[in-house]
Amino acid sequence: MIQTANNTAIEPGRLGQVAAKLFLNITEEWGLTDEQRLILAGVSSRSTIANWKRKSMAKEPIHLSRDTLERLSYISGIYKALQILLPLPEQWAQWVHKPNKVFGGQTALDKMLAGNVLDLADVRRYLDAQRGR
């Protein structure tokens, strides 16, 4: 069991299932390929993404490593920050594809696709700063 922020216990397989489903939905909205999903999630096999899709549809438990769970958490936080900062759903998806001078002229997606957890954290911190957090 994992304790959440509000002291609710959740099974790791259930947590993984929710996190993977959210990640798949966000990356679908962003128009990402499975290759890009692999990099963001820090996994190496296309079958992993396919298994997440299958298990999410079947509502089966998905067990994720701490690293993958952390990465998916950053993606979720980035998405939530975009929802707060930008008024229209289409803007949430477009933002990750637009060049940004804060990231040296590359897109936030390019920054995140460098493959390091810290790159995800950098994007999240930038958005949190824009929100005044």
N, C-alpha and C. Protein backbone atom coordinates (compact mmCIF):
# COMPACT_ATOMS: atom_id res chain seq x y z
N MET A 1 0.82 -1.18 0.00
CA MET A 1 0.00 0.00 0.00
C MET A 1 0.87 1.25 0.00
N ILE A 2 0.40 2.24 -0.69
CA ILE A 2 1.07 3.54 -0.75
C ILE A 2 0.14 4.56 -0.11
N GLN A 3 0.69 5.40 0.75
CA GLN A 3 -0.09 6.45 1.38
C GLN A 3 -0.08 7.68 0.48
N THR A 4 -1.25 8.24 0.20
CA THR A 4 -1.35 9.45 -0.59
C THR A 4 -1.23 10.67 0.33
N ALA A 5 -1.24 11.84 -0.26
CA ALA A 5 -1.09 13.09 0.50
C ALA A 5 -2.19 13.25 1.55
N ASN A 6 -3.37 12.74 1.27
CA ASN A 6 -4.46 12.88 2.24
C ASN A 6 -4.61 11.62 3.11
N ASN A 7 -3.53 10.84 3.21
CA ASN A 7 -3.46 9.65 4.06
C ASN A 7 -4.39 8.52 3.63
N THR A 8 -4.75 8.48 2.37
CA THR A 8 -5.53 7.38 1.84
C THR A 8 -4.57 6.34 1.29
N ALA A 9 -4.83 5.08 1.60
CA ALA A 9 -3.97 4.01 1.09
C ALA A 9 -4.46 3.60 -0.29
N ILE A 10 -3.50 3.33 -1.18
CA ILE A 10 -3.84 2.87 -2.53
C ILE A 10 -2.88 1.76 -2.91
N GLU A 11 -3.41 0.74 -3.54
CA GLU A 11 -2.60 -0.38 -4.02
C GLU A 11 -1.65 0.11 -5.11
N PRO A 12 -0.39 -0.32 -5.09
CA PRO A 12 0.55 0.13 -6.13
C PRO A 12 0.08 -0.19 -7.56
N GLY A 13 -0.55 -1.34 -7.76
CA GLY A 13 -1.04 -1.70 -9.09
C GLY A 13 -2.15 -0.79 -9.56
N ARG A 14 -2.99 -0.36 -8.64
CA ARG A 14 -4.07 0.58 -8.98
C ARG A 14 -3.49 1.96 -9.27
N LEU A 15 -2.53 2.39 -8.47
CA LEU A 15 -1.87 3.67 -8.70
C LEU A 15 -1.22 3.68 -10.08
N GLY A 16 -0.54 2.60 -10.41
CA GLY A 16 0.10 2.48 -11.72
C GLY A 16 -0.89 2.51 -12.85
N GLN A 17 -2.03 1.86 -12.64
CA GLN A 17 -3.06 1.82 -13.67
C GLN A 17 -3.62 3.22 -13.93
N VAL A 18 -3.89 3.95 -12.87
CA VAL A 18 -4.40 5.32 -13.01
C VAL A 18 -3.35 6.22 -13.66
N ALA A 19 -2.11 6.13 -13.19
CA ALA A 19 -1.03 6.96 -13.72
C ALA A 19 -0.79 6.67 -15.21
N ALA A 20 -0.75 5.40 -15.57
CA ALA A 20 -0.51 5.03 -16.97
C ALA A 20 -1.65 5.49 -17.87
N LYS A 21 -2.87 5.33 -17.41
CA LYS A 21 -4.02 5.76 -18.22
C LYS A 21 -3.99 7.27 -18.42
N LEU A 22 -3.72 8.02 -17.37
CA LEU A 22 -3.63 9.47 -17.48
C LEU A 22 -2.52 9.87 -18.45
N PHE A 23 -1.35 9.24 -18.30
CA PHE A 23 -0.22 9.50 -19.18
C PHE A 23 -0.59 9.23 -20.64
N LEU A 24 -1.21 8.11 -20.90
CA LEU A 24 -1.60 7.77 -22.27
C LEU A 24 -2.59 8.79 -22.84
N ASN A 25 -3.53 9.21 -22.02
CA ASN A 25 -4.51 10.21 -22.48
C ASN A 25 -3.86 11.56 -22.77
N ILE A 26 -2.98 11.99 -21.88
CA ILE A 26 -2.28 13.27 -22.08
C ILE A 26 -1.43 13.21 -23.34
N THR A 27 -0.65 12.16 -23.49
CA THR A 27 0.24 12.07 -24.64
C THR A 27 -0.53 11.86 -25.94
N GLU A 28 -1.71 11.29 -25.86
CA GLU A 28 -2.58 11.19 -27.04
C GLU A 28 -3.06 12.59 -27.42
N GLU A 29 -3.48 13.35 -26.43
CA GLU A 29 -3.93 14.72 -26.68
C GLU A 29 -2.81 15.58 -27.26
N TRP A 30 -1.58 15.35 -26.81
CA TRP A 30 -0.44 16.09 -27.33
C TRP A 30 0.00 15.59 -28.70
N GLY A 31 -0.57 14.48 -29.17
CA GLY A 31 -0.23 13.95 -30.49
C GLY A 31 1.13 13.27 -30.55
N LEU A 32 1.53 12.62 -29.45
CA LEU A 32 2.84 12.00 -29.40
C LEU A 32 2.83 10.59 -29.99
N THR A 33 3.98 10.18 -30.46
CA THR A 33 4.17 8.83 -30.97
C THR A 33 4.51 7.88 -29.80
N ASP A 34 4.44 6.60 -30.05
CA ASP A 34 4.83 5.65 -29.02
C ASP A 34 6.31 5.80 -28.68
N GLU A 35 7.14 6.13 -29.67
CA GLU A 35 8.56 6.36 -29.41
C GLU A 35 8.76 7.51 -28.44
N GLN A 36 8.02 8.58 -28.64
CA GLN A 36 8.11 9.71 -27.72
C GLN A 36 7.58 9.34 -26.33
N ARG A 37 6.54 8.55 -26.29
CA ARG A 37 6.00 8.09 -25.00
C ARG A 37 7.05 7.26 -24.24
N LEU A 38 7.77 6.41 -24.97
CA LEU A 38 8.81 5.59 -24.34
C LEU A 38 9.85 6.47 -23.66
N ILE A 39 10.28 7.50 -24.35
CA ILE A 39 11.31 8.39 -23.81
C ILE A 39 10.78 9.12 -22.58
N LEU A 40 9.59 9.69 -22.69
CA LEU A 40 9.03 10.44 -21.56
C LEU A 40 8.83 9.55 -20.33
N ALA A 41 8.38 8.32 -20.56
CA ALA A 41 8.12 7.41 -19.45
C ALA A 41 9.39 6.73 -18.95
N GLY A 42 10.47 6.82 -19.72
CA GLY A 42 11.72 6.19 -19.31
C GLY A 42 11.70 4.68 -19.42
N VAL A 43 10.95 4.17 -20.39
CA VAL A 43 10.90 2.72 -20.62
C VAL A 43 11.49 2.44 -21.99
N SER A 44 11.91 1.21 -22.21
CA SER A 44 12.66 0.92 -23.43
C SER A 44 11.91 0.06 -24.46
N SER A 45 10.78 -0.49 -24.09
CA SER A 45 10.12 -1.43 -24.98
C SER A 45 8.74 -0.93 -25.42
N ARG A 46 8.52 -1.00 -26.73
CA ARG A 46 7.19 -0.63 -27.25
C ARG A 46 6.10 -1.52 -26.65
N SER A 47 6.46 -2.74 -26.31
CA SER A 47 5.45 -3.64 -25.74
C SER A 47 4.97 -3.13 -24.38
N THR A 48 5.82 -2.37 -23.69
CA THR A 48 5.40 -1.80 -22.41
C THR A 48 4.23 -0.85 -22.61
N ILE A 49 4.34 0.03 -23.59
CA ILE A 49 3.26 0.97 -23.88
C ILE A 49 2.02 0.21 -24.34
N ALA A 50 2.20 -0.80 -25.17
CA ALA A 50 1.07 -1.60 -25.63
C ALA A 50 0.39 -2.30 -24.45
N ASN A 51 1.19 -2.82 -23.51
CA ASN A 51 0.63 -3.46 -22.33
C ASN A 51 -0.13 -2.47 -21.46
N TRP A 52 0.41 -1.26 -21.33
CA TRP A 52 -0.30 -0.23 -20.56
C TRP A 52 -1.65 0.07 -21.19
N LYS A 53 -1.68 0.17 -22.51
CA LYS A 53 -2.94 0.44 -23.21
C LYS A 53 -3.94 -0.68 -22.96
N ARG A 54 -3.46 -1.92 -23.12
CA ARG A 54 -4.34 -3.08 -22.93
C ARG A 54 -4.85 -3.16 -21.50
N LYS A 55 -3.95 -3.02 -20.54
CA LYS A 55 -4.33 -3.13 -19.14
C LYS A 55 -5.21 -1.96 -18.70
N SER A 56 -4.97 -0.78 -19.24
CA SER A 56 -5.83 0.36 -18.91
C SER A 56 -7.25 0.13 -19.37
N MET A 57 -7.39 -0.39 -20.57
CA MET A 57 -8.73 -0.69 -21.10
C MET A 57 -9.43 -1.76 -20.27
N ALA A 58 -8.66 -2.74 -19.81
CA ALA A 58 -9.21 -3.84 -19.02
C ALA A 58 -9.28 -3.52 -17.52
N LYS A 59 -8.80 -2.32 -17.14
CA LYS A 59 -8.77 -1.90 -15.74
C LYS A 59 -7.99 -2.88 -14.86
N GLU A 60 -6.89 -3.37 -15.44
CA GLU A 60 -6.01 -4.30 -14.71
C GLU A 60 -4.90 -3.51 -14.03
N PRO A 61 -4.35 -4.05 -12.95
CA PRO A 61 -3.25 -3.37 -12.26
C PRO A 61 -2.03 -3.22 -13.18
N ILE A 62 -1.32 -2.12 -13.00
CA ILE A 62 -0.08 -1.87 -13.73
C ILE A 62 0.96 -1.50 -12.69
N HIS A 63 2.02 -2.27 -12.64
CA HIS A 63 3.08 -2.01 -11.67
C HIS A 63 4.20 -1.22 -12.36
N LEU A 64 4.46 -0.04 -11.81
CA LEU A 64 5.46 0.86 -12.38
C LEU A 64 6.64 1.01 -11.44
N SER A 65 7.81 1.21 -12.02
CA SER A 65 8.99 1.50 -11.20
C SER A 65 8.83 2.90 -10.59
N ARG A 66 9.61 3.17 -9.57
CA ARG A 66 9.57 4.51 -8.95
C ARG A 66 9.95 5.58 -9.97
N ASP A 67 10.96 5.29 -10.80
CA ASP A 67 11.39 6.25 -11.81
C ASP A 67 10.26 6.55 -12.79
N THR A 68 9.59 5.52 -13.27
CA THR A 68 8.50 5.73 -14.23
C THR A 68 7.35 6.47 -13.57
N LEU A 69 7.01 6.10 -12.36
CA LEU A 69 5.94 6.79 -11.65
C LEU A 69 6.27 8.26 -11.45
N GLU A 70 7.53 8.55 -11.14
CA GLU A 70 7.95 9.94 -10.98
C GLU A 70 7.81 10.70 -12.31
N ARG A 71 8.23 10.09 -13.39
CA ARG A 71 8.13 10.72 -14.70
C ARG A 71 6.68 11.00 -15.07
N LEU A 72 5.81 10.03 -14.85
CA LEU A 72 4.40 10.20 -15.16
C LEU A 72 3.77 11.27 -14.28
N SER A 73 4.24 11.37 -13.06
CA SER A 73 3.77 12.41 -12.16
C SER A 73 4.14 13.80 -12.68
N TYR A 74 5.36 13.95 -13.19
CA TYR A 74 5.76 15.23 -13.76
C TYR A 74 4.90 15.59 -14.97
N ILE A 75 4.63 14.61 -15.83
CA ILE A 75 3.79 14.86 -17.01
C ILE A 75 2.40 15.31 -16.56
N SER A 76 1.86 14.64 -15.57
CA SER A 76 0.55 15.01 -15.03
C SER A 76 0.56 16.44 -14.48
N GLY A 77 1.61 16.80 -13.74
CA GLY A 77 1.72 18.14 -13.20
C GLY A 77 1.86 19.20 -14.27
N ILE A 78 2.60 18.87 -15.32
CA ILE A 78 2.75 19.79 -16.45
C ILE A 78 1.39 20.03 -17.10
N TYR A 79 0.66 18.96 -17.30
CA TYR A 79 -0.66 19.06 -17.92
C TYR A 79 -1.61 19.89 -17.05
N LYS A 80 -1.60 19.64 -15.75
CA LYS A 80 -2.47 20.38 -14.85
C LYS A 80 -2.11 21.88 -14.87
N ALA A 81 -0.82 22.19 -14.86
CA ALA A 81 -0.39 23.58 -14.90
C ALA A 81 -0.86 24.26 -16.19
N LEU A 82 -0.79 23.54 -17.30
CA LEU A 82 -1.26 24.10 -18.57
C LEU A 82 -2.75 24.38 -18.53
N GLN A 83 -3.51 23.50 -17.88
CA GLN A 83 -4.95 23.71 -17.75
C GLN A 83 -5.24 24.97 -16.95
N ILE A 84 -4.43 25.24 -15.95
CA ILE A 84 -4.63 26.42 -15.11
C ILE A 84 -4.20 27.69 -15.86
N LEU A 85 -3.11 27.61 -16.58
CA LEU A 85 -2.54 28.80 -17.23
C LEU A 85 -3.23 29.18 -18.54
N LEU A 86 -3.71 28.20 -19.28
CA LEU A 86 -4.26 28.46 -20.61
C LEU A 86 -5.76 28.17 -20.63
N PRO A 87 -6.56 29.05 -21.23
CA PRO A 87 -8.01 28.92 -21.14
C PRO A 87 -8.65 27.85 -22.04
N LEU A 88 -8.00 27.48 -23.12
CA LEU A 88 -8.64 26.58 -24.09
C LEU A 88 -7.91 25.25 -24.19
N PRO A 89 -8.65 24.15 -24.24
CA PRO A 89 -8.02 22.82 -24.34
C PRO A 89 -7.04 22.68 -25.51
N GLU A 90 -7.35 23.27 -26.65
CA GLU A 90 -6.42 23.14 -27.78
C GLU A 90 -5.09 23.84 -27.49
N GLN A 91 -5.10 24.85 -26.63
CA GLN A 91 -3.86 25.53 -26.25
C GLN A 91 -2.98 24.64 -25.39
N TRP A 92 -3.58 23.77 -24.59
CA TRP A 92 -2.82 22.88 -23.72
C TRP A 92 -1.93 21.97 -24.56
N ALA A 93 -2.49 21.46 -25.64
CA ALA A 93 -1.73 20.56 -26.52
C ALA A 93 -0.74 21.33 -27.37
N GLN A 94 -1.11 22.52 -27.83
CA GLN A 94 -0.23 23.29 -28.70
C GLN A 94 1.01 23.81 -27.97
N TRP A 95 0.86 24.14 -26.69
CA TRP A 95 1.96 24.76 -25.95
C TRP A 95 3.22 23.90 -25.97
N VAL A 96 3.10 22.60 -25.80
CA VAL A 96 4.29 21.75 -25.74
C VAL A 96 5.02 21.68 -27.07
N HIS A 97 4.36 22.08 -28.16
CA HIS A 97 4.96 22.03 -29.50
C HIS A 97 5.49 23.37 -29.98
N LYS A 98 5.32 24.42 -29.18
CA LYS A 98 5.76 25.76 -29.59
C LYS A 98 7.15 26.07 -29.04
N PRO A 99 8.01 26.67 -29.88
CA PRO A 99 9.33 27.07 -29.38
C PRO A 99 9.20 28.04 -28.19
N ASN A 100 10.14 27.91 -27.27
CA ASN A 100 10.09 28.72 -26.05
C ASN A 100 11.51 29.20 -25.75
N LYS A 101 11.67 30.51 -25.63
CA LYS A 101 13.00 31.06 -25.39
C LYS A 101 13.58 30.59 -24.06
N VAL A 102 12.72 30.27 -23.11
CA VAL A 102 13.20 29.77 -21.81
C VAL A 102 13.95 28.45 -21.98
N PHE A 103 13.57 27.68 -22.98
CA PHE A 103 14.23 26.40 -23.25
C PHE A 103 15.21 26.52 -24.41
N GLY A 104 15.79 27.68 -24.56
CA GLY A 104 16.79 27.91 -25.60
C GLY A 104 16.23 27.89 -27.01
N GLY A 105 14.95 28.22 -27.15
CA GLY A 105 14.31 28.24 -28.45
C GLY A 105 13.71 26.91 -28.87
N GLN A 106 13.99 25.88 -28.12
CA GLN A 106 13.37 24.59 -28.44
C GLN A 106 11.99 24.52 -27.79
N THR A 107 11.22 23.54 -28.17
CA THR A 107 9.90 23.38 -27.58
C THR A 107 10.02 22.70 -26.22
N ALA A 108 8.97 22.83 -25.42
CA ALA A 108 8.95 22.12 -24.14
C ALA A 108 9.04 20.61 -24.39
N LEU A 109 8.41 20.15 -25.45
CA LEU A 109 8.49 18.73 -25.78
C LEU A 109 9.92 18.31 -26.08
N ASP A 110 10.64 19.11 -26.87
CA ASP A 110 12.05 18.82 -27.14
C ASP A 110 12.83 18.72 -25.83
N LYS A 111 12.59 19.66 -24.94
CA LYS A 111 13.27 19.66 -23.64
C LYS A 111 12.96 18.38 -22.89
N MET A 112 11.69 17.99 -22.85
CA MET A 112 11.30 16.78 -22.12
C MET A 112 11.84 15.53 -22.77
N LEU A 113 11.97 15.55 -24.09
CA LEU A 113 12.46 14.37 -24.82
C LEU A 113 13.97 14.18 -24.74
N ALA A 114 14.66 15.06 -24.02
CA ALA A 114 16.09 14.85 -23.79
C ALA A 114 16.28 13.57 -22.97
N GLY A 115 15.22 13.13 -22.30
CA GLY A 115 15.24 11.82 -21.65
C GLY A 115 15.55 11.79 -20.18
N ASN A 116 15.90 12.91 -19.59
CA ASN A 116 16.23 12.93 -18.17
C ASN A 116 15.04 13.38 -17.33
N VAL A 117 14.92 12.81 -16.16
CA VAL A 117 13.86 13.22 -15.25
C VAL A 117 13.97 14.71 -14.95
N LEU A 118 15.20 15.21 -14.85
CA LEU A 118 15.40 16.63 -14.56
C LEU A 118 14.84 17.53 -15.65
N ASP A 119 14.82 17.05 -16.88
CA ASP A 119 14.24 17.85 -17.96
C ASP A 119 12.73 18.01 -17.76
N LEU A 120 12.08 16.94 -17.32
CA LEU A 120 10.66 17.02 -16.99
C LEU A 120 10.45 17.97 -15.82
N ALA A 121 11.31 17.85 -14.82
CA ALA A 121 11.22 18.71 -13.64
C ALA A 121 11.41 20.18 -14.02
N ASP A 122 12.33 20.46 -14.94
CA ASP A 122 12.56 21.84 -15.38
C ASP A 122 11.31 22.44 -16.02
N VAL A 123 10.65 21.68 -16.87
CA VAL A 123 9.43 22.17 -17.51
C VAL A 123 8.35 22.40 -16.45
N ARG A 124 8.23 21.47 -15.54
CA ARG A 124 7.24 21.60 -14.46
C ARG A 124 7.53 22.84 -13.60
N ARG A 125 8.79 23.04 -13.23
CA ARG A 125 9.16 24.21 -12.41
C ARG A 125 8.86 25.51 -13.15
N TYR A 126 9.15 25.53 -14.44
CA TYR A 126 8.86 26.73 -15.22
C TYR A 126 7.37 27.05 -15.18
N LEU A 127 6.54 26.05 -15.41
CA LEU A 127 5.09 26.28 -15.40
C LEU A 127 4.60 26.66 -14.01
N ASP A 128 5.14 26.02 -13.00
CA ASP A 128 4.74 26.38 -11.63
C ASP A 128 5.11 27.82 -11.33
N ALA A 129 6.27 28.26 -11.81
CA ALA A 129 6.67 29.66 -11.61
C ALA A 129 5.72 30.60 -12.33
N GLN A 130 5.27 30.22 -13.51
CA GLN A 130 4.31 31.04 -14.26
C GLN A 130 2.98 31.13 -13.51
N ARG A 131 2.66 30.09 -12.76
CA ARG A 131 1.42 30.08 -11.96
C ARG A 131 1.59 30.83 -10.65
N GLY A 132 2.83 31.20 -10.33
CA GLY A 132 3.08 31.88 -9.07
C GLY A 132 3.23 30.95 -7.90
N ARG A 133 3.61 29.71 -8.16
CA ARG A 133 3.78 28.71 -7.10
C ARG A 133 5.22 28.54 -6.78
